[in-house]
Protein backbone atom coordinates (compact mmCIF):
# COMPACT_ATOMS: atom_id res chain seq x y z
CA UNK A 1 0.00 0.00 0.00
CA UNK A 2 1.58 3.32 -0.99
CA UNK A 3 1.98 6.05 1.60
CA UNK A 4 0.05 9.23 0.88
CA UNK A 5 0.61 12.68 2.36
CA UNK A 6 -1.86 15.48 1.78
CA UNK A 7 0.15 18.69 1.64
CA UNK A 8 -2.55 21.28 0.93
CA UNK A 9 -6.12 21.96 2.06
CA UNK A 10 -8.88 19.83 0.60
CA UNK A 11 -10.29 21.29 -2.60
CA UNK A 12 -13.90 22.31 -3.06
CA UNK A 13 -14.71 19.08 -4.92
CA UNK A 14 -14.40 15.92 -2.78
CA UNK A 15 -12.69 12.67 -3.65
CA UNK A 16 -14.63 10.89 -6.37
CA UNK A 17 -16.63 13.91 -7.55
CA UNK A 18 -17.12 13.34 -11.31
CA UNK A 19 -16.65 17.08 -12.00
CA UNK A 20 -13.21 17.27 -10.37
CA UNK A 21 -10.25 18.00 -12.62
CA UNK A 22 -7.62 15.52 -11.46
CA UNK A 23 -3.99 15.17 -12.57
CA UNK A 24 -1.36 12.52 -11.82
CA UNK A 25 2.33 13.27 -12.32
CA UNK A 26 5.39 11.32 -11.27
CA UNK A 27 8.08 13.79 -10.19
CA UNK A 28 11.72 13.39 -11.13
CA UNK A 29 14.04 16.33 -11.73
CA UNK A 30 11.26 18.54 -13.10
CA UNK A 31 9.24 21.49 -11.82
CA UNK A 32 7.54 23.47 -14.62
CA UNK A 33 7.04 20.29 -16.58
CA UNK A 34 4.82 19.17 -13.69
CA UNK A 35 3.20 22.42 -12.58
CA UNK A 36 2.41 24.20 -15.85
CA UNK A 37 -0.20 21.73 -17.20
CA UNK A 38 -1.80 21.61 -13.73
CA UNK A 39 -2.11 25.38 -13.42
CA UNK A 40 -3.23 25.80 -17.03
CA UNK A 41 -6.02 23.26 -16.46
CA UNK A 42 -6.87 24.75 -13.02
CA UNK A 43 -6.84 21.26 -11.52
CA UNK A 44 -8.81 20.58 -8.35
CA UNK A 45 -6.63 17.71 -7.14
CA UNK A 46 -3.14 16.50 -7.99
CA UNK A 47 -1.34 13.25 -7.19
CA UNK A 48 2.46 13.52 -7.18
CA UNK A 49 4.21 10.15 -7.36
CA UNK A 50 7.67 9.96 -5.82
CA UNK A 51 9.92 7.31 -4.33
CA UNK A 52 10.67 8.42 -0.76
CA UNK A 53 11.39 11.43 1.41
CA UNK A 54 15.13 10.78 0.96
CA UNK A 55 15.00 10.48 -2.82
CA UNK A 56 17.34 12.66 -4.91
CA UNK A 57 14.26 14.36 -6.37
CA UNK A 58 12.85 15.36 -2.96
CA UNK A 59 13.77 19.03 -3.46
CA UNK A 60 11.88 19.06 -6.76
CA UNK A 61 8.78 17.54 -5.13
CA UNK A 62 8.93 20.22 -2.43
CA UNK A 63 9.23 22.98 -5.02
CA UNK A 64 6.29 21.61 -7.01
CA UNK A 65 4.21 21.59 -3.81
CA UNK A 66 5.29 25.14 -2.94
CA UNK A 67 4.28 26.50 -6.32
CA UNK A 68 0.93 24.74 -6.29
CA UNK A 69 0.20 26.17 -2.84
CA UNK A 70 0.52 29.63 -4.43
CA UNK A 71 -2.21 28.91 -6.99
CA UNK A 72 -5.06 31.47 -6.83
CA UNK A 73 -7.63 28.67 -6.42
CA UNK A 74 -7.73 25.73 -3.98
CA UNK A 75 -5.76 22.84 -5.47
CA UNK A 76 -5.36 19.75 -3.28
CA UNK A 77 -1.97 18.03 -3.55
CA UNK A 78 -1.48 14.42 -2.49
CA UNK A 79 2.06 13.06 -2.45
CA UNK A 80 2.08 9.30 -3.03
CA UNK A 81 5.28 7.54 -2.04
CA UNK A 82 5.88 4.28 -3.87
CA UNK A 83 8.60 2.48 -5.80
CA UNK A 84 8.59 4.35 -9.13
CA UNK A 85 11.02 1.79 -10.61
CA UNK A 86 8.72 -1.20 -10.01
CA UNK A 87 6.20 -1.81 -12.79
CA UNK A 88 3.84 -3.78 -10.54
CA UNK A 89 3.89 -1.09 -7.86
CA UNK A 90 3.37 1.71 -10.38
CA UNK A 91 0.45 -0.05 -12.07
CA UNK A 92 -1.18 -0.75 -8.71
CA UNK A 93 -0.87 2.89 -7.63
CA UNK A 94 -2.41 4.21 -10.84
CA UNK A 95 -5.25 1.74 -10.52
CA UNK A 96 -5.94 2.74 -6.90
CA UNK A 97 -6.05 6.42 -7.82
CA UNK A 98 -8.43 5.83 -10.74
CA UNK A 99 -10.68 3.80 -8.46
CA UNK A 100 -10.57 6.34 -5.63
CA UNK A 101 -11.54 9.08 -8.09
CA UNK A 102 -14.32 6.87 -9.54
CA UNK A 103 -12.75 6.99 -12.98
CA UNK A 104 -12.61 3.18 -13.15
CA UNK A 105 -15.52 2.68 -15.59
CA UNK A 106 -14.28 3.79 -19.00
CA UNK A 107 -17.84 3.79 -20.42
CA UNK A 108 -19.37 6.03 -17.75
CA UNK A 109 -20.86 9.26 -19.10
CA UNK A 110 -20.63 12.73 -17.60
CA UNK A 111 -17.25 12.23 -15.92
CA UNK A 112 -14.27 14.53 -16.42
CA UNK A 113 -11.37 12.31 -17.61
CA UNK A 114 -8.42 11.95 -15.28
CA UNK A 115 -5.25 13.41 -16.83
CA UNK A 116 -1.83 11.78 -16.57
CA UNK A 117 1.54 13.41 -17.25
CA UNK A 118 3.62 10.77 -19.06
CA UNK A 119 6.64 13.01 -19.67
CA UNK A 120 7.91 13.16 -16.06
CA UNK A 121 9.27 10.65 -13.56
CA UNK A 122 10.68 7.36 -14.83
CA UNK A 123 9.99 5.33 -17.96
CA UNK A 124 8.20 2.82 -15.73
CA UNK A 125 5.71 5.41 -14.44
CA UNK A 126 5.21 6.72 -17.99
CA UNK A 127 4.37 3.23 -19.28
CA UNK A 128 2.11 2.51 -16.32
CA UNK A 129 0.32 5.84 -16.73
CA UNK A 130 -0.27 5.23 -20.43
CA UNK A 131 -1.65 1.76 -19.75
CA UNK A 132 -3.94 3.15 -17.05
CA UNK A 133 -5.36 5.65 -19.53
CA UNK A 134 -5.88 2.93 -22.13
CA UNK A 135 -7.78 0.84 -19.63
CA UNK A 136 -9.84 3.43 -17.79
CA UNK A 137 -10.35 6.28 -20.25
CA UNK A 138 -7.81 8.67 -18.84
CA UNK A 139 -6.10 11.35 -20.91
CA UNK A 140 -2.29 11.12 -21.06
CA UNK A 141 -0.27 14.13 -22.10
CA UNK A 142 3.38 14.82 -22.87
CA UNK A 143 5.08 18.11 -21.96
CA UNK A 144 7.73 19.15 -24.46
CA UNK A 145 10.53 21.42 -23.32
CA UNK A 146 12.84 23.60 -25.39
CA UNK A 147 15.47 23.94 -22.71
CA UNK A 148 16.35 22.37 -19.34
CA UNK A 149 18.32 24.43 -16.83
CA UNK A 150 19.81 21.75 -14.60
CA UNK A 151 22.70 19.33 -14.92
CA UNK A 152 21.91 15.64 -15.15
CA UNK A 153 24.77 14.91 -12.77
CA UNK A 154 23.85 17.33 -9.99
CA UNK A 155 20.25 18.47 -10.45
CA UNK A 156 19.27 21.50 -8.37
CA UNK A 157 16.03 23.40 -8.06
CA UNK A 158 16.28 26.81 -9.76
CA UNK A 159 13.98 29.74 -10.38
CA UNK A 160 13.41 28.33 -13.87
CA UNK A 161 14.04 24.62 -14.43
CA UNK A 162 12.35 23.86 -17.76
CA UNK A 163 11.16 26.09 -20.57
CA UNK A 164 7.88 24.57 -21.69
CA UNK A 165 7.21 24.50 -25.42
CA UNK A 166 3.91 22.60 -25.75
CA UNK A 167 1.65 20.21 -23.86
CA UNK A 168 0.58 17.54 -26.34
CA UNK A 169 -2.18 14.97 -25.85
CA UNK A 170 -1.08 11.36 -26.34
CA UNK A 171 -3.43 9.25 -28.44
CA UNK A 172 -4.24 5.86 -26.92
CA UNK A 173 -6.42 2.93 -27.85
CA UNK A 174 -8.84 1.03 -25.63
CA UNK A 175 -7.47 -2.18 -24.19
CA UNK A 176 -9.82 -5.17 -24.04
CA UNK A 177 -10.28 -6.61 -20.59
CA UNK A 178 -10.83 -10.28 -19.73
CA UNK A 179 -14.21 -11.06 -18.21
CA UNK A 180 -14.66 -11.72 -14.47
CA UNK A 181 -14.75 -15.50 -14.94
CA UNK A 182 -11.33 -15.39 -16.59
CA UNK A 183 -9.91 -13.07 -13.93
CA UNK A 184 -11.24 -15.53 -11.33
CA UNK A 185 -9.01 -18.24 -12.81
CA UNK A 186 -5.94 -16.01 -12.45
CA UNK A 187 -6.84 -15.13 -8.86
CA UNK A 188 -7.31 -18.81 -8.01
CA UNK A 189 -3.85 -19.60 -9.37
CA UNK A 190 -2.32 -16.74 -7.40
CA UNK A 191 -3.96 -17.93 -4.17
CA UNK A 192 -2.39 -21.37 -4.63
CA UNK A 193 1.12 -20.24 -5.49
CA UNK A 194 0.80 -19.83 -9.25
CA UNK A 195 0.47 -23.49 -10.33
CA UNK A 196 -2.36 -26.02 -10.02
CA UNK A 197 -3.33 -29.28 -11.62
CA UNK A 198 -6.54 -29.03 -13.61
CA UNK A 199 -8.60 -31.07 -11.16
CA UNK A 200 -7.32 -28.87 -8.32
CA UNK A 201 -8.25 -25.73 -10.26
CA UNK A 202 -11.75 -27.13 -10.85
CA UNK A 203 -12.24 -27.47 -7.08
CA UNK A 204 -10.72 -24.06 -6.40
CA UNK A 205 -13.15 -22.43 -8.83
CA UNK A 206 -16.12 -24.42 -7.58
CA UNK A 207 -16.75 -25.98 -10.99
CA UNK A 208 -17.42 -29.32 -9.31
CA UNK A 209 -20.53 -28.02 -7.57
CA UNK A 210 -23.98 -29.20 -8.71
CA UNK A 211 -25.70 -27.19 -11.40
CA UNK A 212 -28.85 -25.16 -10.82
CA UNK A 213 -31.59 -27.51 -9.76
CA UNK A 214 -29.16 -29.79 -7.92
CA UNK A 215 -28.10 -31.91 -10.88
CA UNK A 216 -24.54 -33.25 -10.39
CA UNK A 217 -21.87 -32.56 -12.98
CA UNK A 218 -19.90 -35.27 -14.72
CA UNK A 219 -16.07 -35.17 -14.84
CA UNK A 220 -16.28 -34.47 -18.57
CA UNK A 221 -18.63 -31.51 -17.99
CA UNK A 222 -16.36 -30.08 -15.28
CA UNK A 223 -13.31 -30.21 -17.50
CA UNK A 224 -15.32 -28.74 -20.36
CA UNK A 225 -16.28 -25.75 -18.20
CA UNK A 226 -12.65 -25.28 -17.19
CA UNK A 227 -11.43 -25.66 -20.79
CA UNK A 228 -13.72 -22.84 -21.95
CA UNK A 229 -12.00 -20.54 -19.48
CA UNK A 230 -8.46 -21.69 -20.02
CA UNK A 231 -8.42 -21.55 -23.82
CA UNK A 232 -8.78 -17.75 -24.17
CA UNK A 233 -6.43 -17.17 -21.23
CA UNK A 234 -3.72 -19.22 -22.93
CA UNK A 235 -4.29 -18.57 -26.65
CA UNK A 236 -5.63 -15.02 -26.75
CA UNK A 237 -4.07 -13.41 -23.71
CA UNK A 238 -1.03 -15.51 -22.78
CA UNK A 239 -1.94 -15.20 -19.09
CA UNK A 240 -1.58 -18.93 -18.36
CA UNK A 241 0.58 -21.79 -19.63
CA UNK A 242 -0.73 -25.37 -19.70
CA UNK A 243 1.67 -28.32 -19.55
CA UNK A 244 -0.57 -30.87 -21.26
CA UNK A 245 -4.09 -31.37 -22.52
CA UNK A 246 -4.93 -34.22 -20.16
CA UNK A 247 -7.06 -33.88 -17.01
CA UNK A 248 -3.95 -34.05 -14.79
CA UNK A 249 -2.08 -31.35 -16.68
CA UNK A 250 -0.71 -28.39 -14.75
CA UNK A 251 -1.83 -24.79 -15.28
CA UNK A 252 0.76 -22.07 -14.60
CA UNK A 253 0.23 -18.36 -14.10
CA UNK A 254 2.57 -16.50 -16.49
CA UNK A 255 4.35 -13.19 -15.94
CA UNK A 256 1.79 -11.55 -18.21
CA UNK A 257 -0.91 -13.07 -16.01
CA UNK A 258 0.64 -11.50 -12.92
CA UNK A 259 0.60 -8.10 -14.61
CA UNK A 260 -3.04 -8.71 -15.57
CA UNK A 261 -3.90 -9.33 -11.92
CA UNK A 262 -2.47 -5.94 -11.00
CA UNK A 263 -4.66 -4.35 -13.66
CA UNK A 264 -7.84 -6.41 -13.43
CA UNK A 265 -7.77 -8.39 -10.18
CA UNK A 266 -9.57 -7.64 -6.92
CA UNK A 267 -8.68 -4.12 -5.84
CA UNK A 268 -6.62 -3.52 -2.75
CA UNK A 269 -8.52 -0.26 -2.22
CA UNK A 270 -7.62 3.38 -2.79
CA UNK A 271 -4.28 4.79 -1.67
CA UNK A 272 -5.03 5.80 1.90
CA UNK A 273 -2.96 6.27 5.02
CA UNK A 274 -2.92 10.04 4.49
CA UNK A 275 -0.59 11.74 6.88
């Protein structure tokens, strides 16, 4: 669970209000590249992703907070501390923020899209932010600079750090999501260490239970129900790997399947623990 610190007063629009203008930006050695799109959009709430209080970019995070506190309207800043070099951690944090802001249903009408800065922070946070927008109808943007005023070797906060040229929207496509029955297979594998024999997976998923009306299921019917779930997971998505086609074959959760669980699995809740 990432640690969150609220550094400014709560904005006029509460968490999850569909009218709120919300931005997410990972902060590296940037200031204007983070603040300018936020102030131009008059954001109501901002999530700043950073690694830790002792990170080399801590001075830049502090400067971003200071400038946003000077905004002529109430902008709420939440600093989320997480491992910005870990793809699983970054994906989980983006998902928790989208859920907390009720931007998790990409087909919901009348909701202001959540905006994500994919030009700051690390490549990992940029990739995770782009994926989050593809999945949950966010709007990624890239801030182009014409000049940077700090040295890569010894970055220091200055009166002017980056000269902003443009803020460009990033076009993304919608990603298809596996249905809940398929996600349930992945979660069952994770609960049992990532590998199960087919007959064990049938029990774990409850596919051996009687059908509606109390009619028992035959072994062939149980394996048929499991096969209909495993085939798209293996062939279309690559989320599982199956050792053999027989009833005693083993089903393995792949690395892609573990990433899918971060994106689609049961939520661990919004990033809380505000301090």
